[in-house]
Amino acid sequence: MKNPVQTWGENFQKVIAGASEAQLQVHGIWWPINDFELDCGLLRIDVMGKLQVKHMSDCEYIKVDGTQYTLDDVYE
């Protein structure tokens, strides 16, 4: 039987992979997500045309196709 956290993480990966738009909120500003690795919590955001590496713990919210998630939602 799969770990429920792993199952949710896999489902979240599929949600983001199939999304037309995913954004991350850091310090009240929304940034486009370029790609991410859910297992280690790293993601790359587009900051004025350049990619910057962030950790999921840096974010306040993640928005995928208009649906907003908290960090607790992702790793629940």
C-alpha atoms as a PDB file:
ATOM      1  CA  MET A   1       0.000   0.000   0.000  1.00  0.00           C
ATOM      2  CA  LYS A   2       1.300   3.448  -0.917  1.00  0.00           C
ATOM      3  CA  ASN A   3       2.046   6.102   1.643  1.00  0.00           C
ATOM      4  CA  PRO A   4      -0.830   8.684   1.515  1.00  0.00           C
ATOM      5  CA  VAL A   5       1.696  11.532   1.453  1.00  0.00           C
ATOM      6  CA  GLN A   6       3.439   9.985  -1.541  1.00  0.00           C
ATOM      7  CA  THR A   7       0.083   9.443  -3.263  1.00  0.00           C
ATOM      8  CA  TRP A   8      -0.934  13.084  -2.752  1.00  0.00           C
ATOM      9  CA  GLY A   9       2.491  14.218  -3.959  1.00  0.00           C
ATOM     10  CA  GLU A  10       2.117  12.121  -7.108  1.00  0.00           C
ATOM     11  CA  ASN A  11      -1.368  13.510  -7.668  1.00  0.00           C
ATOM     12  CA  PHE A  12      -0.106  17.067  -7.158  1.00  0.00           C
ATOM     13  CA  GLN A  13       2.689  16.426  -9.657  1.00  0.00           C
ATOM     14  CA  LYS A  14       0.095  15.309 -12.209  1.00  0.00           C
ATOM     15  CA  VAL A  15      -2.030  18.392 -11.484  1.00  0.00           C
ATOM     16  CA  ILE A  16       0.906  20.736 -12.094  1.00  0.00           C
ATOM     17  CA  ALA A  17       2.204  18.733 -15.079  1.00  0.00           C
ATOM     18  CA  GLY A  18      -1.186  19.001 -16.795  1.00  0.00           C
ATOM     19  CA  ALA A  19      -1.673  22.649 -15.867  1.00  0.00           C
ATOM     20  CA  SER A  20      -1.643  25.446 -18.358  1.00  0.00           C
ATOM     21  CA  GLU A  21      -0.471  27.860 -15.669  1.00  0.00           C
ATOM     22  CA  ALA A  22       1.229  27.364 -12.305  1.00  0.00           C
ATOM     23  CA  GLN A  23       2.427  30.150 -10.029  1.00  0.00           C
ATOM     24  CA  LEU A  24       4.196  30.447  -6.691  1.00  0.00           C
ATOM     25  CA  GLN A  25       3.654  33.258  -4.202  1.00  0.00           C
ATOM     26  CA  VAL A  26       6.779  34.511  -2.421  1.00  0.00           C
ATOM     27  CA  HIS A  27       6.582  37.658  -0.254  1.00  0.00           C
ATOM     28  CA  GLY A  28       3.181  38.536  -1.704  1.00  0.00           C
ATOM     29  CA  ILE A  29       4.308  38.369  -5.360  1.00  0.00           C
ATOM     30  CA  TRP A  30       3.154  35.672  -7.792  1.00  0.00           C
ATOM     31  CA  TRP A  31       5.895  34.123  -9.973  1.00  0.00           C
ATOM     32  CA  PRO A  32       5.442  31.646 -12.865  1.00  0.00           C
ATOM     33  CA  ILE A  33       6.710  28.134 -12.058  1.00  0.00           C
ATOM     34  CA  ASN A  34       8.984  26.760 -14.756  1.00  0.00           C
ATOM     35  CA  ASP A  35       9.475  23.278 -13.264  1.00  0.00           C
ATOM     36  CA  PHE A  36       9.720  21.564  -9.906  1.00  0.00           C
ATOM     37  CA  GLU A  37      10.876  18.448  -8.082  1.00  0.00           C
ATOM     38  CA  LEU A  38       8.333  17.585  -5.409  1.00  0.00           C
ATOM     39  CA  ASP A  39      10.494  14.937  -3.678  1.00  0.00           C
ATOM     40  CA  CYS A  40      13.217  17.407  -2.697  1.00  0.00           C
ATOM     41  CA  GLY A  41      10.955  20.487  -2.722  1.00  0.00           C
ATOM     42  CA  LEU A  42      12.969  22.489  -5.243  1.00  0.00           C
ATOM     43  CA  LEU A  43      11.411  24.479  -8.051  1.00  0.00           C
ATOM     44  CA  ARG A  44      12.497  27.031 -10.600  1.00  0.00           C
ATOM     45  CA  ILE A  45      10.550  30.220 -11.078  1.00  0.00           C
ATOM     46  CA  ASP A  46      10.765  32.700 -13.923  1.00  0.00           C
ATOM     47  CA  VAL A  47      12.023  36.015 -12.556  1.00  0.00           C
ATOM     48  CA  MET A  48      12.059  38.564 -15.364  1.00  0.00           C
ATOM     49  CA  GLY A  49      13.192  35.988 -17.930  1.00  0.00           C
ATOM     50  CA  LYS A  50      15.787  34.273 -15.733  1.00  0.00           C
ATOM     51  CA  LEU A  51      15.259  31.077 -13.761  1.00  0.00           C
ATOM     52  CA  GLN A  52      15.738  31.212 -10.009  1.00  0.00           C
ATOM     53  CA  VAL A  53      15.786  28.146  -7.755  1.00  0.00           C
ATOM     54  CA  LYS A  54      13.497  28.256  -4.730  1.00  0.00           C
ATOM     55  CA  HIS A  55      12.451  25.737  -2.106  1.00  0.00           C
ATOM     56  CA  MET A  56       8.785  24.920  -1.515  1.00  0.00           C
ATOM     57  CA  SER A  57       9.182  26.126   2.082  1.00  0.00           C
ATOM     58  CA  ASP A  58       9.845  29.655   0.710  1.00  0.00           C
ATOM     59  CA  CYS A  59       6.392  29.867  -0.783  1.00  0.00           C
ATOM     60  CA  GLU A  60       3.205  31.088   0.805  1.00  0.00           C
ATOM     61  CA  TYR A  61       0.829  29.634  -1.795  1.00  0.00           C
ATOM     62  CA  ILE A  62       0.906  27.756  -5.076  1.00  0.00           C
ATOM     63  CA  LYS A  63      -1.737  28.489  -7.688  1.00  0.00           C
ATOM     64  CA  VAL A  64      -2.469  25.941 -10.414  1.00  0.00           C
ATOM     65  CA  ASP A  65      -4.983  26.918 -13.095  1.00  0.00           C
ATOM     66  CA  GLY A  66      -6.656  29.308 -10.658  1.00  0.00           C
ATOM     67  CA  THR A  67      -6.849  26.877  -7.703  1.00  0.00           C
ATOM     68  CA  GLN A  68      -4.779  27.995  -4.735  1.00  0.00           C
ATOM     69  CA  TYR A  69      -2.921  25.514  -2.491  1.00  0.00           C
ATOM     70  CA  THR A  70      -0.969  26.001   0.721  1.00  0.00           C
ATOM     71  CA  LEU A  71       2.237  24.145   1.477  1.00  0.00           C
ATOM     72  CA  ASP A  72       0.258  21.993   3.912  1.00  0.00           C
ATOM     73  CA  ASP A  73      -2.088  21.000   1.055  1.00  0.00           C
ATOM     74  CA  VAL A  74       0.855  19.831  -1.026  1.00  0.00           C
ATOM     75  CA  TYR A  75       2.573  17.763   1.663  1.00  0.00           C
ATOM     76  CA  GLU A  76      -0.549  16.723   3.569  1.00  0.00           C
END
